[in-house]
Protein backbone atom coordinates (compact mmCIF):
# COMPACT_ATOMS: atom_id res chain seq x y z
CA MET A 1 87.01 88.27 86.86
CA GLU A 2 85.12 88.04 90.21
CA ARG A 3 82.51 85.77 88.62
CA LYS A 4 85.13 83.26 87.49
CA GLN A 5 86.64 83.28 90.99
CA ASN A 6 83.22 82.70 92.58
CA LYS A 7 82.54 79.86 90.12
CA ARG A 8 85.87 78.22 90.97
CA ASN A 9 85.20 78.60 94.65
CA ASN A 10 81.75 76.97 94.32
CA GLN A 11 83.23 74.08 92.29
CA PHE A 12 85.97 73.63 94.89
CA ILE A 13 83.46 73.55 97.71
CA ALA A 14 81.24 71.02 95.89
CA ILE A 15 84.23 68.71 95.21
CA LYS A 16 85.37 69.12 98.86
CA ASN A 17 81.93 68.15 100.13
CA GLU A 18 81.83 65.12 97.80
CA ILE A 19 85.24 63.95 99.05
CA SER A 20 84.16 64.49 102.65
CA GLY A 21 81.04 62.39 102.12
CA ILE A 22 82.95 59.62 100.44
CA THR A 23 85.52 59.66 103.23
CA LEU A 24 82.78 59.39 105.86
CA ILE A 25 81.06 56.45 104.07
CA ALA A 26 84.50 54.65 103.78
CA LEU A 27 85.13 55.24 107.51
CA VAL A 28 81.74 53.78 108.46
CA ILE A 29 82.22 50.75 106.21
CA THR A 30 85.71 50.15 107.57
CA THR A 31 84.45 50.40 111.13
CA ILE A 32 81.67 47.88 110.48
CA PHE A 33 84.04 45.34 108.88
CA SER A 34 86.61 45.82 111.61
CA TYR A 35 83.97 45.33 114.36
CA ASP A 36 82.64 42.26 112.59
CA GLU A 37 86.15 40.72 112.33
CA LYS A 38 86.72 41.41 116.01
CA LEU A 39 83.48 39.56 116.85
CA LYS A 40 84.50 36.61 114.64
CA SER A 41 87.83 36.34 116.28
CA SER A 42 86.28 36.31 119.70
CA ASN A 43 84.55 32.93 118.99
CA ASN A 44 81.19 34.62 118.34
CA ASN A 45 79.27 34.39 115.12
CA GLY A 46 79.87 37.41 112.92
CA PHE A 47 76.26 38.39 113.28
CA LEU A 48 76.66 41.99 112.30
CA LEU A 49 77.19 41.49 108.61
CA GLN A 50 74.72 38.61 108.47
CA THR A 51 71.92 40.87 109.63
CA ILE A 52 72.72 43.56 107.04
């Protein structure tokens, strides 16, 4: 019984870490696009995405 619980906990932790990683990547991408749009609207070239 305890083994099954440990296995479930390990699976839960693995899934939680995956979701956290995906969320962090999404946040970074959103920030980059938001910053690039802000630069474009301020009459600058959107250089940030052009250099990537």
